[in-house]
N, C-alpha and C. Protein backbone atom coordinates (compact mmCIF):
# COMPACT_ATOMS: atom_id res chain seq x y z
N UNK A 1 -70.09 -23.72 61.16
CA UNK A 1 -68.75 -23.92 60.64
C UNK A 1 -67.78 -24.09 61.80
N UNK A 2 -66.90 -25.05 61.67
CA UNK A 2 -65.89 -25.31 62.68
C UNK A 2 -64.91 -24.16 62.74
N UNK A 3 -64.53 -23.77 63.94
CA UNK A 3 -63.55 -22.71 64.13
C UNK A 3 -62.61 -23.14 65.24
N UNK A 4 -61.37 -23.45 64.86
CA UNK A 4 -60.42 -24.01 65.81
C UNK A 4 -59.01 -23.62 65.42
N UNK A 5 -58.20 -23.34 66.44
CA UNK A 5 -56.77 -23.10 66.23
C UNK A 5 -56.02 -24.14 67.05
N UNK A 6 -55.06 -24.78 66.41
CA UNK A 6 -54.22 -25.77 67.06
C UNK A 6 -52.79 -25.26 67.05
N UNK A 7 -52.14 -25.32 68.21
CA UNK A 7 -50.74 -24.94 68.33
C UNK A 7 -50.01 -26.18 68.82
N UNK A 8 -48.96 -26.58 68.09
CA UNK A 8 -48.28 -27.82 68.44
C UNK A 8 -46.77 -27.68 68.41
N UNK A 9 -46.18 -28.41 69.32
CA UNK A 9 -44.73 -28.61 69.34
C UNK A 9 -44.45 -30.08 69.03
N UNK A 10 -45.44 -30.77 68.48
CA UNK A 10 -45.37 -32.21 68.24
C UNK A 10 -46.10 -32.93 69.35
N UNK A 11 -46.63 -34.10 69.05
CA UNK A 11 -47.36 -34.88 70.06
C UNK A 11 -46.41 -35.26 71.18
N UNK A 12 -46.80 -35.22 72.42
CA UNK A 12 -48.13 -34.92 72.93
C UNK A 12 -48.35 -33.44 73.25
N UNK A 13 -47.49 -32.58 72.81
CA UNK A 13 -47.58 -31.15 73.11
C UNK A 13 -48.41 -30.40 72.06
N UNK A 14 -49.67 -30.77 71.97
CA UNK A 14 -50.59 -30.15 71.02
C UNK A 14 -51.76 -29.55 71.79
N UNK A 15 -52.07 -28.29 71.49
CA UNK A 15 -53.10 -27.56 72.21
C UNK A 15 -54.14 -27.05 71.22
N UNK A 16 -55.40 -27.43 71.44
CA UNK A 16 -56.48 -27.05 70.55
C UNK A 16 -57.39 -26.04 71.25
N UNK A 17 -57.74 -25.00 70.51
CA UNK A 17 -58.61 -23.96 71.04
C UNK A 17 -59.84 -23.86 70.15
N UNK A 18 -60.97 -24.27 70.72
CA UNK A 18 -62.24 -24.24 70.01
C UNK A 18 -62.79 -22.83 70.13
N UNK A 19 -63.01 -22.18 68.99
CA UNK A 19 -63.46 -20.80 68.98
C UNK A 19 -64.94 -20.66 68.62
N UNK A 20 -65.66 -21.77 68.59
CA UNK A 20 -67.09 -21.74 68.23
C UNK A 20 -67.88 -20.77 69.10
N UNK A 21 -67.64 -20.80 70.39
CA UNK A 21 -68.41 -19.97 71.33
C UNK A 21 -67.73 -18.64 71.62
N UNK A 22 -66.53 -18.42 71.12
CA UNK A 22 -65.78 -17.19 71.42
C UNK A 22 -66.22 -16.06 70.50
N UNK A 23 -66.22 -14.87 71.06
CA UNK A 23 -66.52 -13.67 70.27
C UNK A 23 -65.40 -13.47 69.26
N UNK A 24 -65.70 -13.36 67.97
CA UNK A 24 -64.64 -13.18 66.97
C UNK A 24 -63.87 -11.88 67.18
N UNK A 25 -62.62 -11.89 66.80
CA UNK A 25 -61.78 -10.71 66.90
C UNK A 25 -61.77 -10.03 65.52
N UNK A 26 -62.03 -8.73 65.45
CA UNK A 26 -61.96 -8.04 64.16
C UNK A 26 -60.56 -8.14 63.56
N UNK A 27 -60.51 -8.19 62.24
CA UNK A 27 -59.25 -8.38 61.51
C UNK A 27 -58.19 -7.35 61.90
N UNK A 28 -58.54 -6.07 61.93
CA UNK A 28 -57.56 -5.03 62.25
C UNK A 28 -57.07 -5.13 63.69
N UNK A 29 -57.95 -5.49 64.60
CA UNK A 29 -57.56 -5.68 66.00
C UNK A 29 -56.63 -6.89 66.13
N UNK A 30 -56.90 -7.94 65.37
CA UNK A 30 -56.06 -9.14 65.39
C UNK A 30 -54.64 -8.81 64.93
N UNK A 31 -54.53 -8.06 63.86
CA UNK A 31 -53.20 -7.68 63.35
C UNK A 31 -52.46 -6.81 64.36
N UNK A 32 -53.18 -5.89 65.01
CA UNK A 32 -52.57 -5.03 66.03
C UNK A 32 -52.12 -5.85 67.22
N UNK A 33 -52.97 -6.79 67.67
CA UNK A 33 -52.63 -7.63 68.81
C UNK A 33 -51.36 -8.44 68.52
N UNK A 34 -51.29 -9.04 67.34
CA UNK A 34 -50.11 -9.82 66.97
C UNK A 34 -48.86 -8.94 66.91
N UNK A 35 -48.98 -7.75 66.36
CA UNK A 35 -47.84 -6.82 66.29
C UNK A 35 -47.36 -6.45 67.68
N UNK A 36 -48.30 -6.16 68.59
CA UNK A 36 -47.93 -5.82 69.97
C UNK A 36 -47.22 -6.97 70.65
N UNK A 37 -47.72 -8.19 70.49
CA UNK A 37 -47.10 -9.36 71.10
C UNK A 37 -45.73 -9.64 70.47
N UNK A 38 -45.62 -9.45 69.17
CA UNK A 38 -44.35 -9.64 68.46
C UNK A 38 -43.28 -8.72 69.07
N UNK A 39 -43.65 -7.48 69.31
CA UNK A 39 -42.72 -6.50 69.89
C UNK A 39 -42.46 -6.81 71.36
N UNK A 40 -43.52 -7.04 72.14
CA UNK A 40 -43.40 -7.30 73.57
C UNK A 40 -42.52 -8.52 73.86
N UNK A 41 -42.66 -9.57 73.06
CA UNK A 41 -41.91 -10.80 73.29
C UNK A 41 -40.50 -10.76 72.68
N UNK A 42 -40.15 -9.63 72.07
CA UNK A 42 -38.80 -9.47 71.52
C UNK A 42 -38.52 -10.33 70.30
N UNK A 43 -39.53 -10.56 69.51
CA UNK A 43 -39.36 -11.40 68.31
C UNK A 43 -38.54 -10.68 67.25
N UNK A 44 -37.80 -11.44 66.49
CA UNK A 44 -37.01 -10.90 65.38
C UNK A 44 -37.60 -11.39 64.06
N UNK A 45 -37.49 -10.55 63.02
CA UNK A 45 -37.97 -10.99 61.71
C UNK A 45 -37.26 -12.27 61.26
N UNK A 46 -38.01 -13.17 60.65
CA UNK A 46 -37.46 -14.43 60.17
C UNK A 46 -36.68 -14.22 58.88
N UNK A 47 -37.18 -13.34 58.05
CA UNK A 47 -36.61 -13.12 56.71
C UNK A 47 -35.46 -12.13 56.75
N UNK A 48 -34.45 -12.36 55.95
CA UNK A 48 -33.28 -11.48 55.91
C UNK A 48 -33.62 -10.09 55.39
N UNK A 49 -34.73 -9.96 54.66
CA UNK A 49 -35.14 -8.66 54.14
C UNK A 49 -35.72 -7.78 55.24
N UNK A 50 -36.07 -8.39 56.36
CA UNK A 50 -36.67 -7.65 57.46
C UNK A 50 -38.18 -7.55 57.35
N UNK A 51 -38.75 -7.99 56.24
CA UNK A 51 -40.20 -7.96 56.06
C UNK A 51 -40.82 -9.03 56.94
N UNK A 52 -41.89 -8.66 57.64
CA UNK A 52 -42.55 -9.59 58.55
C UNK A 52 -43.97 -9.84 58.05
N UNK A 53 -44.22 -11.04 57.58
CA UNK A 53 -45.54 -11.43 57.13
C UNK A 53 -46.40 -11.81 58.34
N UNK A 54 -47.70 -11.78 58.16
CA UNK A 54 -48.61 -12.15 59.24
C UNK A 54 -48.32 -13.57 59.73
N UNK A 55 -48.08 -14.48 58.80
CA UNK A 55 -47.75 -15.86 59.17
C UNK A 55 -46.48 -15.91 60.02
N UNK A 56 -45.50 -15.09 59.67
CA UNK A 56 -44.26 -15.04 60.44
C UNK A 56 -44.53 -14.56 61.86
N UNK A 57 -45.38 -13.55 62.00
CA UNK A 57 -45.70 -13.03 63.33
C UNK A 57 -46.36 -14.11 64.18
N UNK A 58 -47.29 -14.83 63.58
CA UNK A 58 -47.99 -15.89 64.32
C UNK A 58 -46.99 -16.95 64.80
N UNK A 59 -46.13 -17.40 63.91
CA UNK A 59 -45.12 -18.41 64.28
C UNK A 59 -44.16 -17.89 65.33
N UNK A 60 -43.67 -16.68 65.14
CA UNK A 60 -42.70 -16.10 66.09
C UNK A 60 -43.31 -15.87 67.47
N UNK A 61 -44.53 -15.36 67.51
CA UNK A 61 -45.19 -15.12 68.79
C UNK A 61 -45.42 -16.44 69.52
N UNK A 62 -45.89 -17.45 68.82
CA UNK A 62 -46.11 -18.76 69.46
C UNK A 62 -44.81 -19.31 70.02
N UNK A 63 -43.74 -19.23 69.23
CA UNK A 63 -42.45 -19.75 69.68
C UNK A 63 -41.91 -18.95 70.86
N UNK A 64 -41.96 -17.63 70.78
CA UNK A 64 -41.43 -16.78 71.85
C UNK A 64 -42.25 -16.91 73.14
N UNK A 65 -43.55 -17.08 73.00
CA UNK A 65 -44.40 -17.23 74.18
C UNK A 65 -44.10 -18.54 74.90
N UNK A 66 -43.79 -19.56 74.14
CA UNK A 66 -43.44 -20.85 74.72
C UNK A 66 -44.65 -21.72 74.99
N UNK A 67 -44.37 -22.99 75.10
CA UNK A 67 -45.42 -23.98 75.29
C UNK A 67 -46.25 -23.73 76.55
N UNK A 68 -45.62 -23.26 77.61
CA UNK A 68 -46.33 -23.05 78.88
C UNK A 68 -47.50 -22.09 78.74
N UNK A 69 -47.37 -21.10 77.87
CA UNK A 69 -48.47 -20.14 77.68
C UNK A 69 -49.70 -20.81 77.07
N UNK A 70 -49.51 -21.89 76.38
CA UNK A 70 -50.63 -22.61 75.76
C UNK A 70 -51.12 -23.75 76.65
N UNK A 71 -50.22 -24.27 77.47
CA UNK A 71 -50.53 -25.43 78.32
C UNK A 71 -51.17 -25.03 79.65
N UNK A 72 -50.63 -24.03 80.31
CA UNK A 72 -51.03 -23.68 81.67
C UNK A 72 -52.36 -22.93 81.72
N UNK A 73 -53.22 -23.37 82.61
CA UNK A 73 -54.54 -22.75 82.77
C UNK A 73 -54.44 -21.26 83.13
N UNK A 74 -53.40 -20.88 83.85
CA UNK A 74 -53.22 -19.48 84.25
C UNK A 74 -53.08 -18.55 83.04
N UNK A 75 -52.60 -19.09 81.94
CA UNK A 75 -52.39 -18.29 80.73
C UNK A 75 -53.49 -18.50 79.70
N UNK A 76 -54.56 -19.19 80.07
CA UNK A 76 -55.64 -19.51 79.13
C UNK A 76 -56.20 -18.28 78.41
N UNK A 77 -56.46 -17.16 79.10
CA UNK A 77 -56.98 -15.98 78.38
C UNK A 77 -56.02 -15.50 77.28
N UNK A 78 -54.72 -15.54 77.55
CA UNK A 78 -53.75 -15.13 76.53
C UNK A 78 -53.78 -16.11 75.36
N UNK A 79 -53.83 -17.40 75.64
CA UNK A 79 -53.84 -18.41 74.59
C UNK A 79 -55.09 -18.29 73.71
N UNK A 80 -56.23 -18.01 74.33
CA UNK A 80 -57.46 -17.82 73.56
C UNK A 80 -57.34 -16.56 72.70
N UNK A 81 -56.77 -15.49 73.24
CA UNK A 81 -56.57 -14.26 72.46
C UNK A 81 -55.65 -14.54 71.28
N UNK A 82 -54.60 -15.33 71.49
CA UNK A 82 -53.70 -15.71 70.40
C UNK A 82 -54.47 -16.46 69.32
N UNK A 83 -55.26 -17.44 69.74
CA UNK A 83 -56.02 -18.25 68.78
C UNK A 83 -56.98 -17.39 67.98
N UNK A 84 -57.69 -16.49 68.67
CA UNK A 84 -58.63 -15.61 67.97
C UNK A 84 -57.90 -14.68 67.01
N UNK A 85 -56.75 -14.16 67.43
CA UNK A 85 -55.98 -13.26 66.57
C UNK A 85 -55.44 -13.99 65.35
N UNK A 86 -54.93 -15.19 65.54
CA UNK A 86 -54.39 -15.97 64.42
C UNK A 86 -55.48 -16.27 63.40
N UNK A 87 -56.63 -16.71 63.89
CA UNK A 87 -57.75 -17.03 63.00
C UNK A 87 -58.23 -15.80 62.25
N UNK A 88 -58.39 -14.69 62.95
CA UNK A 88 -58.90 -13.46 62.33
C UNK A 88 -57.88 -12.84 61.37
N UNK A 89 -56.61 -12.81 61.77
CA UNK A 89 -55.58 -12.19 60.92
C UNK A 89 -55.42 -12.95 59.61
N UNK A 90 -55.57 -14.26 59.66
CA UNK A 90 -55.45 -15.07 58.45
C UNK A 90 -56.80 -15.24 57.72
N UNK A 91 -57.87 -14.82 58.38
CA UNK A 91 -59.23 -14.96 57.84
C UNK A 91 -59.53 -16.43 57.51
N UNK A 92 -59.10 -17.31 58.41
CA UNK A 92 -59.31 -18.76 58.25
C UNK A 92 -59.92 -19.30 59.54
N UNK A 93 -60.96 -20.12 59.44
CA UNK A 93 -61.60 -20.65 60.64
C UNK A 93 -60.81 -21.79 61.31
N UNK A 94 -60.00 -22.50 60.54
CA UNK A 94 -59.22 -23.61 61.10
C UNK A 94 -57.75 -23.36 60.76
N UNK A 95 -56.95 -23.23 61.80
CA UNK A 95 -55.52 -22.92 61.64
C UNK A 95 -54.71 -23.87 62.50
N UNK A 96 -53.62 -24.39 61.96
CA UNK A 96 -52.67 -25.17 62.74
C UNK A 96 -51.32 -24.47 62.70
N UNK A 97 -50.79 -24.21 63.89
CA UNK A 97 -49.48 -23.58 64.04
C UNK A 97 -48.52 -24.65 64.53
N UNK A 98 -47.62 -25.09 63.66
CA UNK A 98 -46.64 -26.11 64.03
C UNK A 98 -45.34 -25.38 64.34
N UNK A 99 -45.10 -25.17 65.62
CA UNK A 99 -43.95 -24.39 66.06
C UNK A 99 -42.65 -25.11 65.72
N UNK A 100 -42.59 -26.40 65.96
CA UNK A 100 -41.37 -27.18 65.70
C UNK A 100 -40.98 -27.10 64.24
N UNK A 101 -41.95 -27.26 63.34
CA UNK A 101 -41.68 -27.25 61.89
C UNK A 101 -41.68 -25.84 61.31
N UNK A 102 -42.04 -24.84 62.14
CA UNK A 102 -42.15 -23.45 61.67
C UNK A 102 -43.07 -23.38 60.45
N UNK A 103 -44.28 -23.95 60.60
CA UNK A 103 -45.22 -24.01 59.49
C UNK A 103 -46.65 -23.72 59.97
N UNK A 104 -47.41 -23.10 59.10
CA UNK A 104 -48.83 -22.87 59.32
C UNK A 104 -49.61 -23.64 58.27
N UNK A 105 -50.74 -24.17 58.68
CA UNK A 105 -51.63 -24.77 57.70
C UNK A 105 -53.05 -24.35 58.05
N UNK A 106 -53.87 -24.28 57.00
CA UNK A 106 -55.28 -23.91 57.21
C UNK A 106 -56.10 -24.45 56.07
């Protein structure tokens, strides 16, 4: 089964992470990792109610981290961890994070 996470700011700023060979991240660890990054990067809840959905965390973390974290080889381990966490937290093998449109698809 194909397992890939794509993070895009629009072409040509699209980054694909193939997770076929990567060790899967457990669901609970993925949620914890996203929560830690959400807090560390100073993300704010998107919704006026203050409720933060998993999809919101993924979008906010990607946006706050910035394109360089996905583009630059020096940040590759972080980008792979993000991809594994997004896939595991959503329990979906193929995920697209469109930062510009603030949308997830799977």
